[in-house]
């Protein structure tokens, strides 16, 4: 709730919904603008604290208020949240898992060409803006489609409106899902691989790994059964904080690929000086972080016997 409060005050004090009405042609009268802003709890002349109390009471009832156009925020919030959660969840799960495996493999091949190549690739991905990777993937998809003569990859929208049948709609969504998810997965995998490589290097020559090998386990089995579990534990807090970074990347990805999620909504709401949707996105981000923190705690309990004993 703290994050939602801060987001609401930031939006309420910096955005001016009045300008949205004043720019219409023909412009409504000042009295009409005043009445509409009061009805939607968007009037900048009303103290921000008073508007916040009204908004917070609505949030407690599941009502996120109204947009500047008079539409209810809650239905749009639920629809867009489902879109963004699908994208962020898959990117986080696949990207972190791939990064952990690649980082562990890279650590076992320290100072070899494959280790250096993977490390260089990871740094390159992290240094490249997400919108550049997204645009490059769009260009690559066009070239692939032109080369094979059929539409292999879709790069605009969430699905094709003309898709019919259950399997047809699923195929359409899958085609549209590939490129946006790959964009975010690449960043997740690059980040986690670098962290995992460093933690795995600390574990390679640990006493418990040597003991496991002395008991007859092969080096690979000893690392897989004992080393990898310990090396993953320091990365679990990263899962929580990296959720915000993933959503930040999703803001650009959704806009570039034409996905109607929370990221696109945030950008459009700021441009239209719309306070309540911006506050709703703040609540969504806070919920994502809380969910990621809960998942990280559960994974920590599952991987670390000492936590269960405590």
C-alpha atoms as a PDB file:
ATOM      1  CA  UNK A   1       0.000   0.000   0.000  1.00  0.00           C
ATOM      2  CA  UNK A   2       2.960   2.298   0.610  1.00  0.00           C
ATOM      3  CA  UNK A   3       3.999   1.986  -3.029  1.00  0.00           C
ATOM      4  CA  UNK A   4       0.447   2.689  -4.162  1.00  0.00           C
ATOM      5  CA  UNK A   5       0.256   5.740  -1.899  1.00  0.00           C
ATOM      6  CA  UNK A   6       3.522   7.158  -3.209  1.00  0.00           C
ATOM      7  CA  UNK A   7       2.493   6.523  -6.812  1.00  0.00           C
ATOM      8  CA  UNK A   8      -0.877   8.186  -6.310  1.00  0.00           C
ATOM      9  CA  UNK A   9       0.585  11.340  -4.778  1.00  0.00           C
ATOM     10  CA  UNK A  10       3.280  11.512  -7.449  1.00  0.00           C
ATOM     11  CA  UNK A  11       0.660  11.237 -10.187  1.00  0.00           C
ATOM     12  CA  UNK A  12      -1.842  13.555  -8.494  1.00  0.00           C
ATOM     13  CA  UNK A  13       0.733  16.296  -7.951  1.00  0.00           C
ATOM     14  CA  UNK A  14       2.443  16.105 -11.339  1.00  0.00           C
ATOM     15  CA  UNK A  15      -0.360  15.324 -13.804  1.00  0.00           C
ATOM     16  CA  UNK A  16      -3.056  17.790 -14.870  1.00  0.00           C
ATOM     17  CA  UNK A  17      -6.223  16.067 -16.162  1.00  0.00           C
ATOM     18  CA  UNK A  18      -7.730  19.492 -16.874  1.00  0.00           C
ATOM     19  CA  UNK A  19      -5.461  19.907 -19.918  1.00  0.00           C
ATOM     20  CA  UNK A  20      -6.978  16.809 -21.534  1.00  0.00           C
ATOM     21  CA  UNK A  21     -10.417  18.450 -21.598  1.00  0.00           C
ATOM     22  CA  UNK A  22      -9.105  21.892 -22.523  1.00  0.00           C
ATOM     23  CA  UNK A  23      -7.432  20.476 -25.647  1.00  0.00           C
ATOM     24  CA  UNK A  24     -10.664  19.065 -27.070  1.00  0.00           C
ATOM     25  CA  UNK A  25     -12.275  20.641 -30.093  1.00  0.00           C
ATOM     26  CA  UNK A  26     -14.611  22.293 -29.409  1.00  0.00           C
ATOM     27  CA  UNK A  27     -13.379  22.769 -25.826  1.00  0.00           C
ATOM     28  CA  UNK A  28     -15.966  22.394 -23.055  1.00  0.00           C
ATOM     29  CA  UNK A  29     -16.702  25.345 -20.838  1.00  0.00           C
ATOM     30  CA  UNK A  30     -14.694  25.815 -17.614  1.00  0.00           C
ATOM     31  CA  UNK A  31     -17.823  24.992 -15.597  1.00  0.00           C
ATOM     32  CA  UNK A  32     -18.295  21.708 -17.485  1.00  0.00           C
ATOM     33  CA  UNK A  33     -14.641  20.767 -16.991  1.00  0.00           C
ATOM     34  CA  UNK A  34     -14.916  21.554 -13.281  1.00  0.00           C
ATOM     35  CA  UNK A  35     -18.026  19.392 -12.889  1.00  0.00           C
ATOM     36  CA  UNK A  36     -16.502  16.403 -14.711  1.00  0.00           C
ATOM     37  CA  UNK A  37     -13.240  16.593 -12.759  1.00  0.00           C
ATOM     38  CA  UNK A  38     -15.138  16.712  -9.463  1.00  0.00           C
ATOM     39  CA  UNK A  39     -17.321  13.772 -10.486  1.00  0.00           C
ATOM     40  CA  UNK A  40     -14.259  11.636 -11.292  1.00  0.00           C
ATOM     41  CA  UNK A  41     -12.208  12.813  -8.270  1.00  0.00           C
ATOM     42  CA  UNK A  42      -9.589  14.295 -10.600  1.00  0.00           C
ATOM     43  CA  UNK A  43      -9.822  18.006  -9.872  1.00  0.00           C
ATOM     44  CA  UNK A  44      -6.313  19.403  -9.199  1.00  0.00           C
ATOM     45  CA  UNK A  45      -7.943  22.204  -7.177  1.00  0.00           C
ATOM     46  CA  UNK A  46      -9.013  19.631  -4.588  1.00  0.00           C
ATOM     47  CA  UNK A  47      -6.211  18.924  -2.076  1.00  0.00           C
ATOM     48  CA  UNK A  48      -4.260  15.805  -3.031  1.00  0.00           C
ATOM     49  CA  UNK A  49      -4.733  14.316   0.444  1.00  0.00           C
ATOM     50  CA  UNK A  50      -8.500  14.628   0.135  1.00  0.00           C
ATOM     51  CA  UNK A  51      -8.473  13.020  -3.307  1.00  0.00           C
ATOM     52  CA  UNK A  52      -6.251  10.224  -1.985  1.00  0.00           C
ATOM     53  CA  UNK A  53      -8.629   9.398   0.869  1.00  0.00           C
ATOM     54  CA  UNK A  54     -11.504   9.138  -1.606  1.00  0.00           C
ATOM     55  CA  UNK A  55      -9.390   6.958  -3.912  1.00  0.00           C
ATOM     56  CA  UNK A  56      -8.123   4.719  -1.093  1.00  0.00           C
ATOM     57  CA  UNK A  57     -11.667   4.064   0.129  1.00  0.00           C
ATOM     58  CA  UNK A  58     -12.593   2.988  -3.371  1.00  0.00           C
ATOM     59  CA  UNK A  59      -9.535   0.714  -3.634  1.00  0.00           C
ATOM     60  CA  UNK A  60     -10.601  -0.993  -0.387  1.00  0.00           C
ATOM     61  CA  UNK A  61     -13.897  -1.838  -2.132  1.00  0.00           C
ATOM     62  CA  UNK A  62     -12.160  -2.945  -5.344  1.00  0.00           C
ATOM     63  CA  UNK A  63     -12.959   0.317  -7.139  1.00  0.00           C
ATOM     64  CA  UNK A  64      -9.921   2.001  -8.726  1.00  0.00           C
ATOM     65  CA  UNK A  65     -11.817   5.088  -9.838  1.00  0.00           C
ATOM     66  CA  UNK A  66     -12.386   6.541 -13.299  1.00  0.00           C
ATOM     67  CA  UNK A  67     -10.228   7.586 -16.223  1.00  0.00           C
ATOM     68  CA  UNK A  68     -10.365  11.090 -17.694  1.00  0.00           C
ATOM     69  CA  UNK A  69     -12.701   9.724 -20.368  1.00  0.00           C
ATOM     70  CA  UNK A  70     -15.154   8.482 -17.746  1.00  0.00           C
ATOM     71  CA  UNK A  71     -14.413   4.747 -18.070  1.00  0.00           C
ATOM     72  CA  UNK A  72     -14.005   2.637 -14.946  1.00  0.00           C
ATOM     73  CA  UNK A  73     -10.388   1.747 -14.212  1.00  0.00           C
ATOM     74  CA  UNK A  74     -10.992  -1.654 -12.565  1.00  0.00           C
ATOM     75  CA  UNK A  75     -12.150  -3.671 -15.643  1.00  0.00           C
ATOM     76  CA  UNK A  76      -9.308  -2.286 -17.760  1.00  0.00           C
ATOM     77  CA  UNK A  77      -6.874  -2.968 -14.924  1.00  0.00           C
ATOM     78  CA  UNK A  78      -7.857  -6.654 -14.736  1.00  0.00           C
ATOM     79  CA  UNK A  79      -7.644  -7.146 -18.490  1.00  0.00           C
ATOM     80  CA  UNK A  80      -4.275  -5.470 -18.861  1.00  0.00           C
ATOM     81  CA  UNK A  81      -2.866  -7.073 -15.703  1.00  0.00           C
ATOM     82  CA  UNK A  82      -3.558 -10.525 -17.140  1.00  0.00           C
ATOM     83  CA  UNK A  83      -1.639  -9.592 -20.297  1.00  0.00           C
ATOM     84  CA  UNK A  84       1.391  -8.231 -18.438  1.00  0.00           C
ATOM     85  CA  UNK A  85       1.484 -11.025 -15.852  1.00  0.00           C
ATOM     86  CA  UNK A  86       1.584 -13.594 -18.643  1.00  0.00           C
ATOM     87  CA  UNK A  87       4.528 -11.856 -20.267  1.00  0.00           C
ATOM     88  CA  UNK A  88       6.474 -11.048 -17.082  1.00  0.00           C
ATOM     89  CA  UNK A  89       5.859 -14.455 -15.495  1.00  0.00           C
ATOM     90  CA  UNK A  90       7.120 -16.432 -18.491  1.00  0.00           C
ATOM     91  CA  UNK A  91      10.100 -14.113 -18.970  1.00  0.00           C
ATOM     92  CA  UNK A  92      11.069 -14.354 -15.293  1.00  0.00           C
ATOM     93  CA  UNK A  93      10.634 -18.125 -15.018  1.00  0.00           C
ATOM     94  CA  UNK A  94      12.314 -19.099 -18.291  1.00  0.00           C
ATOM     95  CA  UNK A  95      14.959 -16.369 -18.208  1.00  0.00           C
ATOM     96  CA  UNK A  96      16.069 -17.009 -14.621  1.00  0.00           C
ATOM     97  CA  UNK A  97      16.143 -20.794 -15.109  1.00  0.00           C
ATOM     98  CA  UNK A  98      18.127 -20.490 -18.338  1.00  0.00           C
ATOM     99  CA  UNK A  99      20.494 -17.975 -16.743  1.00  0.00           C
ATOM    100  CA  UNK A 100      21.142 -20.197 -13.735  1.00  0.00           C
ATOM    101  CA  UNK A 101      21.939 -23.210 -15.907  1.00  0.00           C
ATOM    102  CA  UNK A 102      24.126 -21.201 -18.288  1.00  0.00           C
ATOM    103  CA  UNK A 103      25.946 -19.525 -15.401  1.00  0.00           C
ATOM    104  CA  UNK A 104      26.647 -22.842 -13.683  1.00  0.00           C
ATOM    105  CA  UNK A 105      27.890 -24.351 -16.943  1.00  0.00           C
ATOM    106  CA  UNK A 106      30.081 -21.314 -17.589  1.00  0.00           C
ATOM    107  CA  UNK A 107      31.640 -21.578 -14.123  1.00  0.00           C
ATOM    108  CA  UNK A 108      32.651 -25.190 -14.716  1.00  0.00           C
ATOM    109  CA  UNK A 109      34.449 -24.056 -17.874  1.00  0.00           C
ATOM    110  CA  UNK A 110      36.234 -21.099 -16.301  1.00  0.00           C
ATOM    111  CA  UNK A 111      38.668 -19.237 -18.577  1.00  0.00           C
ATOM    112  CA  UNK A 112      37.808 -21.383 -21.593  1.00  0.00           C
ATOM    113  CA  UNK A 113      36.580 -19.865 -24.838  1.00  0.00           C
ATOM    114  CA  UNK A 114      32.979 -20.888 -24.162  1.00  0.00           C
ATOM    115  CA  UNK A 115      33.080 -19.210 -20.734  1.00  0.00           C
ATOM    116  CA  UNK A 116      34.490 -15.998 -22.160  1.00  0.00           C
ATOM    117  CA  UNK A 117      32.043 -15.995 -25.064  1.00  0.00           C
ATOM    118  CA  UNK A 118      29.041 -16.455 -22.779  1.00  0.00           C
ATOM    119  CA  UNK A 119      30.263 -13.752 -20.386  1.00  0.00           C
ATOM    120  CA  UNK A 120      30.821 -11.337 -23.278  1.00  0.00           C
ATOM    121  CA  UNK A 121      27.384 -12.124 -24.708  1.00  0.00           C
ATOM    122  CA  UNK A 122      25.748 -11.518 -21.318  1.00  0.00           C
ATOM    123  CA  UNK A 123      27.419  -8.147 -20.856  1.00  0.00           C
ATOM    124  CA  UNK A 124      26.492  -7.189 -24.421  1.00  0.00           C
ATOM    125  CA  UNK A 125      22.823  -7.991 -23.870  1.00  0.00           C
ATOM    126  CA  UNK A 126      22.717  -6.080 -20.582  1.00  0.00           C
ATOM    127  CA  UNK A 127      24.404  -3.060 -22.187  1.00  0.00           C
ATOM    128  CA  UNK A 128      21.924  -2.960 -25.078  1.00  0.00           C
ATOM    129  CA  UNK A 129      18.665  -1.001 -24.522  1.00  0.00           C
ATOM    130  CA  UNK A 130      15.638  -3.258 -24.519  1.00  0.00           C
ATOM    131  CA  UNK A 131      13.936  -1.269 -27.290  1.00  0.00           C
ATOM    132  CA  UNK A 132      16.952  -1.837 -29.546  1.00  0.00           C
ATOM    133  CA  UNK A 133      16.718  -5.609 -29.061  1.00  0.00           C
ATOM    134  CA  UNK A 134      12.957  -5.496 -29.631  1.00  0.00           C
ATOM    135  CA  UNK A 135      13.364  -3.510 -32.851  1.00  0.00           C
ATOM    136  CA  UNK A 136      16.135  -5.848 -34.032  1.00  0.00           C
ATOM    137  CA  UNK A 137      13.908  -8.878 -33.414  1.00  0.00           C
ATOM    138  CA  UNK A 138      11.085  -7.246 -35.381  1.00  0.00           C
ATOM    139  CA  UNK A 139      13.416  -6.651 -38.318  1.00  0.00           C
ATOM    140  CA  UNK A 140      14.741 -10.214 -38.082  1.00  0.00           C
ATOM    141  CA  UNK A 141      11.185 -11.597 -38.010  1.00  0.00           C
ATOM    142  CA  UNK A 142      10.253  -9.662 -41.157  1.00  0.00           C
ATOM    143  CA  UNK A 143      13.291 -11.016 -42.952  1.00  0.00           C
ATOM    144  CA  UNK A 144      12.509 -14.590 -41.889  1.00  0.00           C
ATOM    145  CA  UNK A 145       8.888 -14.274 -42.983  1.00  0.00           C
ATOM    146  CA  UNK A 146       9.931 -12.827 -46.351  1.00  0.00           C
ATOM    147  CA  UNK A 147      12.586 -15.516 -46.836  1.00  0.00           C
ATOM    148  CA  UNK A 148      10.283 -18.502 -46.244  1.00  0.00           C
ATOM    149  CA  UNK A 149       7.218 -16.932 -47.828  1.00  0.00           C
ATOM    150  CA  UNK A 150       4.889 -17.564 -44.864  1.00  0.00           C
ATOM    151  CA  UNK A 151       4.214 -15.842 -41.554  1.00  0.00           C
ATOM    152  CA  UNK A 152       6.386 -17.688 -39.043  1.00  0.00           C
ATOM    153  CA  UNK A 153       6.629 -14.878 -36.497  1.00  0.00           C
ATOM    154  CA  UNK A 154       4.089 -12.189 -35.673  1.00  0.00           C
ATOM    155  CA  UNK A 155       5.445  -8.921 -34.328  1.00  0.00           C
ATOM    156  CA  UNK A 156       2.412  -6.677 -33.805  1.00  0.00           C
ATOM    157  CA  UNK A 157      -0.429  -7.237 -31.349  1.00  0.00           C
ATOM    158  CA  UNK A 158      -1.341 -10.090 -29.016  1.00  0.00           C
ATOM    159  CA  UNK A 159      -3.234 -12.227 -31.540  1.00  0.00           C
ATOM    160  CA  UNK A 160      -4.733 -12.138 -35.016  1.00  0.00           C
ATOM    161  CA  UNK A 161      -8.395 -10.985 -34.871  1.00  0.00           C
ATOM    162  CA  UNK A 162      -9.244 -13.322 -37.748  1.00  0.00           C
ATOM    163  CA  UNK A 163      -8.014 -16.495 -36.007  1.00  0.00           C
ATOM    164  CA  UNK A 164     -10.788 -19.074 -35.677  1.00  0.00           C
ATOM    165  CA  UNK A 165     -11.138 -22.210 -33.591  1.00  0.00           C
ATOM    166  CA  UNK A 166      -9.413 -23.061 -30.314  1.00  0.00           C
ATOM    167  CA  UNK A 167      -6.192 -24.282 -31.925  1.00  0.00           C
ATOM    168  CA  UNK A 168      -6.143 -21.430 -34.381  1.00  0.00           C
ATOM    169  CA  UNK A 169      -6.383 -18.848 -31.612  1.00  0.00           C
ATOM    170  CA  UNK A 170      -3.743 -20.652 -29.532  1.00  0.00           C
ATOM    171  CA  UNK A 171      -1.376 -20.763 -32.502  1.00  0.00           C
ATOM    172  CA  UNK A 172      -1.958 -17.087 -33.174  1.00  0.00           C
ATOM    173  CA  UNK A 173      -1.241 -16.138 -29.561  1.00  0.00           C
ATOM    174  CA  UNK A 174       1.892 -18.307 -29.569  1.00  0.00           C
ATOM    175  CA  UNK A 175       3.177 -16.637 -32.737  1.00  0.00           C
ATOM    176  CA  UNK A 176       2.597 -13.191 -31.237  1.00  0.00           C
ATOM    177  CA  UNK A 177       4.098 -14.235 -27.887  1.00  0.00           C
ATOM    178  CA  UNK A 178       7.491 -15.466 -29.099  1.00  0.00           C
ATOM    179  CA  UNK A 179       9.306 -12.211 -29.869  1.00  0.00           C
ATOM    180  CA  UNK A 180       8.160 -10.117 -26.857  1.00  0.00           C
ATOM    181  CA  UNK A 181       9.005 -12.960 -24.475  1.00  0.00           C
ATOM    182  CA  UNK A 182      12.412 -13.584 -26.084  1.00  0.00           C
ATOM    183  CA  UNK A 183      13.259  -9.893 -25.637  1.00  0.00           C
ATOM    184  CA  UNK A 184      12.674 -10.052 -21.881  1.00  0.00           C
ATOM    185  CA  UNK A 185      14.060 -13.581 -21.478  1.00  0.00           C
ATOM    186  CA  UNK A 186      17.363 -12.476 -22.999  1.00  0.00           C
ATOM    187  CA  UNK A 187      17.841  -9.838 -20.300  1.00  0.00           C
ATOM    188  CA  UNK A 188      16.840 -12.209 -17.509  1.00  0.00           C
ATOM    189  CA  UNK A 189      19.137 -14.961 -18.742  1.00  0.00           C
ATOM    190  CA  UNK A 190      22.081 -12.574 -19.159  1.00  0.00           C
ATOM    191  CA  UNK A 191      21.694 -11.124 -15.675  1.00  0.00           C
ATOM    192  CA  UNK A 192      21.202 -14.422 -13.862  1.00  0.00           C
ATOM    193  CA  UNK A 193      24.010 -16.151 -15.760  1.00  0.00           C
ATOM    194  CA  UNK A 194      26.559 -13.576 -14.588  1.00  0.00           C
ATOM    195  CA  UNK A 195      25.445 -13.795 -10.960  1.00  0.00           C
ATOM    196  CA  UNK A 196      25.191 -17.589 -11.072  1.00  0.00           C
ATOM    197  CA  UNK A 197      28.669 -17.907 -12.559  1.00  0.00           C
ATOM    198  CA  UNK A 198      30.172 -15.914  -9.693  1.00  0.00           C
ATOM    199  CA  UNK A 199      28.354 -17.813  -6.953  1.00  0.00           C
ATOM    200  CA  UNK A 200      29.121 -21.146  -8.607  1.00  0.00           C
ATOM    201  CA  UNK A 201      32.840 -20.333  -8.693  1.00  0.00           C
ATOM    202  CA  UNK A 202      32.732 -19.914  -4.914  1.00  0.00           C
ATOM    203  CA  UNK A 203      31.128 -23.344  -4.546  1.00  0.00           C
ATOM    204  CA  UNK A 204      33.305 -25.363  -6.933  1.00  0.00           C
ATOM    205  CA  UNK A 205      36.073 -25.937  -4.410  1.00  0.00           C
ATOM    206  CA  UNK A 206      33.986 -25.862  -1.237  1.00  0.00           C
ATOM    207  CA  UNK A 207      34.565 -28.542   1.410  1.00  0.00           C
ATOM    208  CA  UNK A 208      31.125 -30.110   1.050  1.00  0.00           C
ATOM    209  CA  UNK A 209      31.680 -30.596  -2.690  1.00  0.00           C
ATOM    210  CA  UNK A 210      35.046 -32.233  -2.026  1.00  0.00           C
ATOM    211  CA  UNK A 211      33.399 -34.491   0.567  1.00  0.00           C
ATOM    212  CA  UNK A 212      30.714 -35.535  -1.911  1.00  0.00           C
ATOM    213  CA  UNK A 213      33.383 -36.392  -4.479  1.00  0.00           C
ATOM    214  CA  UNK A 214      35.375 -38.316  -1.857  1.00  0.00           C
ATOM    215  CA  UNK A 215      32.296 -40.457  -1.225  1.00  0.00           C
ATOM    216  CA  UNK A 216      32.364 -41.594  -4.849  1.00  0.00           C
ATOM    217  CA  UNK A 217      30.205 -39.057  -6.665  1.00  0.00           C
ATOM    218  CA  UNK A 218      31.430 -37.829 -10.025  1.00  0.00           C
ATOM    219  CA  UNK A 219      32.338 -34.124 -10.262  1.00  0.00           C
ATOM    220  CA  UNK A 220      29.229 -33.417 -12.349  1.00  0.00           C
ATOM    221  CA  UNK A 221      26.906 -35.274  -9.967  1.00  0.00           C
ATOM    222  CA  UNK A 222      28.446 -33.635  -6.892  1.00  0.00           C
ATOM    223  CA  UNK A 223      27.905 -30.190  -8.374  1.00  0.00           C
ATOM    224  CA  UNK A 224      24.390 -30.956  -9.550  1.00  0.00           C
ATOM    225  CA  UNK A 225      23.195 -32.484  -6.267  1.00  0.00           C
ATOM    226  CA  UNK A 226      24.999 -30.288  -3.787  1.00  0.00           C
ATOM    227  CA  UNK A 227      26.841 -27.370  -5.397  1.00  0.00           C
ATOM    228  CA  UNK A 228      24.084 -25.963  -7.580  1.00  0.00           C
ATOM    229  CA  UNK A 229      21.555 -25.883  -4.739  1.00  0.00           C
ATOM    230  CA  UNK A 230      23.881 -23.851  -2.530  1.00  0.00           C
ATOM    231  CA  UNK A 231      24.975 -21.574  -5.380  1.00  0.00           C
ATOM    232  CA  UNK A 232      21.360 -20.713  -6.248  1.00  0.00           C
ATOM    233  CA  UNK A 233      20.441 -19.488  -2.743  1.00  0.00           C
ATOM    234  CA  UNK A 234      22.158 -16.056  -3.001  1.00  0.00           C
ATOM    235  CA  UNK A 235      20.258 -15.420  -6.242  1.00  0.00           C
ATOM    236  CA  UNK A 236      16.777 -15.757  -4.729  1.00  0.00           C
ATOM    237  CA  UNK A 237      16.632 -12.161  -3.391  1.00  0.00           C
ATOM    238  CA  UNK A 238      17.579 -11.030  -6.902  1.00  0.00           C
ATOM    239  CA  UNK A 239      14.368 -12.628  -8.152  1.00  0.00           C
ATOM    240  CA  UNK A 240      12.344 -10.145  -6.073  1.00  0.00           C
ATOM    241  CA  UNK A 241      14.161  -6.981  -7.107  1.00  0.00           C
ATOM    242  CA  UNK A 242      14.543  -8.052 -10.716  1.00  0.00           C
ATOM    243  CA  UNK A 243      10.759  -8.267 -11.089  1.00  0.00           C
ATOM    244  CA  UNK A 244      10.603  -4.475 -11.186  1.00  0.00           C
ATOM    245  CA  UNK A 245      13.342  -4.395 -13.836  1.00  0.00           C
ATOM    246  CA  UNK A 246      11.437  -6.943 -15.891  1.00  0.00           C
ATOM    247  CA  UNK A 247       8.261  -4.876 -15.719  1.00  0.00           C
ATOM    248  CA  UNK A 248      10.240  -1.777 -16.695  1.00  0.00           C
ATOM    249  CA  UNK A 249      11.463  -3.637 -19.768  1.00  0.00           C
ATOM    250  CA  UNK A 250       7.914  -4.806 -20.439  1.00  0.00           C
ATOM    251  CA  UNK A 251       6.826  -1.147 -20.683  1.00  0.00           C
ATOM    252  CA  UNK A 252       8.964  -0.743 -23.806  1.00  0.00           C
ATOM    253  CA  UNK A 253       8.264  -4.241 -25.141  1.00  0.00           C
ATOM    254  CA  UNK A 254       4.498  -3.854 -24.924  1.00  0.00           C
ATOM    255  CA  UNK A 255       4.609  -0.498 -26.667  1.00  0.00           C
ATOM    256  CA  UNK A 256       6.891  -1.713 -29.464  1.00  0.00           C
ATOM    257  CA  UNK A 257       5.051  -4.989 -30.113  1.00  0.00           C
ATOM    258  CA  UNK A 258       1.575  -3.515 -29.681  1.00  0.00           C
ATOM    259  CA  UNK A 259       0.628  -5.472 -26.560  1.00  0.00           C
ATOM    260  CA  UNK A 260      -2.188  -3.891 -24.561  1.00  0.00           C
ATOM    261  CA  UNK A 261      -0.735  -4.494 -21.111  1.00  0.00           C
ATOM    262  CA  UNK A 262       0.087  -2.433 -18.054  1.00  0.00           C
ATOM    263  CA  UNK A 263       3.243  -0.990 -19.599  1.00  0.00           C
ATOM    264  CA  UNK A 264       1.427   0.443 -22.600  1.00  0.00           C
ATOM    265  CA  UNK A 265      -1.340   1.680 -20.290  1.00  0.00           C
ATOM    266  CA  UNK A 266       1.203   3.493 -18.117  1.00  0.00           C
ATOM    267  CA  UNK A 267       2.720   5.310 -21.086  1.00  0.00           C
ATOM    268  CA  UNK A 268      -0.657   6.254 -22.555  1.00  0.00           C
ATOM    269  CA  UNK A 269      -1.992   7.401 -19.164  1.00  0.00           C
ATOM    270  CA  UNK A 270       0.971   9.687 -18.547  1.00  0.00           C
ATOM    271  CA  UNK A 271       0.520  11.205 -22.014  1.00  0.00           C
ATOM    272  CA  UNK A 272      -3.187  11.853 -21.344  1.00  0.00           C
ATOM    273  CA  UNK A 273      -2.524  13.177 -17.800  1.00  0.00           C
ATOM    274  CA  UNK A 274      -4.654  10.377 -16.324  1.00  0.00           C
ATOM    275  CA  UNK A 275      -4.039   9.996 -12.577  1.00  0.00           C
ATOM    276  CA  UNK A 276      -6.032   6.916 -11.581  1.00  0.00           C
ATOM    277  CA  UNK A 277      -4.607   4.482 -14.170  1.00  0.00           C
ATOM    278  CA  UNK A 278      -1.064   5.553 -13.211  1.00  0.00           C
ATOM    279  CA  UNK A 279      -1.868   4.861  -9.551  1.00  0.00           C
ATOM    280  CA  UNK A 280      -3.351   1.506 -10.543  1.00  0.00           C
ATOM    281  CA  UNK A 281      -0.126   0.564 -12.338  1.00  0.00           C
ATOM    282  CA  UNK A 282       1.746   1.434  -9.132  1.00  0.00           C
ATOM    283  CA  UNK A 283      -0.445  -1.000  -7.212  1.00  0.00           C
ATOM    284  CA  UNK A 284       0.165  -3.648  -9.859  1.00  0.00           C
ATOM    285  CA  UNK A 285       3.947  -3.234  -9.613  1.00  0.00           C
ATOM    286  CA  UNK A 286       3.813  -3.483  -5.830  1.00  0.00           C
ATOM    287  CA  UNK A 287       1.732  -6.673  -6.081  1.00  0.00           C
ATOM    288  CA  UNK A 288       4.280  -8.136  -8.503  1.00  0.00           C
ATOM    289  CA  UNK A 289       7.134  -7.457  -6.082  1.00  0.00           C
ATOM    290  CA  UNK A 290       5.210  -8.984  -3.161  1.00  0.00           C
ATOM    291  CA  UNK A 291       4.376 -12.079  -5.200  1.00  0.00           C
ATOM    292  CA  UNK A 292       7.994 -12.446  -6.325  1.00  0.00           C
ATOM    293  CA  UNK A 293       9.183 -12.078  -2.722  1.00  0.00           C
ATOM    294  CA  UNK A 294       6.773 -14.786  -1.582  1.00  0.00           C
ATOM    295  CA  UNK A 295       7.947 -17.140  -4.337  1.00  0.00           C
ATOM    296  CA  UNK A 296      11.586 -16.445  -3.420  1.00  0.00           C
ATOM    297  CA  UNK A 297      10.885 -17.281   0.242  1.00  0.00           C
ATOM    298  CA  UNK A 298       9.151 -20.536  -0.712  1.00  0.00           C
ATOM    299  CA  UNK A 299      12.047 -21.531  -2.965  1.00  0.00           C
ATOM    300  CA  UNK A 300      14.515 -20.702  -0.188  1.00  0.00           C
ATOM    301  CA  UNK A 301      12.660 -22.998   2.194  1.00  0.00           C
ATOM    302  CA  UNK A 302      12.606 -25.754  -0.423  1.00  0.00           C
ATOM    303  CA  UNK A 303      16.312 -25.499  -1.260  1.00  0.00           C
ATOM    304  CA  UNK A 304      17.821 -24.778   2.164  1.00  0.00           C
ATOM    305  CA  UNK A 305      17.203 -27.460   4.853  1.00  0.00           C
ATOM    306  CA  UNK A 306      18.501 -25.083   7.526  1.00  0.00           C
ATOM    307  CA  UNK A 307      15.549 -22.751   6.885  1.00  0.00           C
ATOM    308  CA  UNK A 308      13.074 -25.584   7.417  1.00  0.00           C
ATOM    309  CA  UNK A 309      14.828 -26.609  10.629  1.00  0.00           C
ATOM    310  CA  UNK A 310      14.637 -23.052  11.955  1.00  0.00           C
END
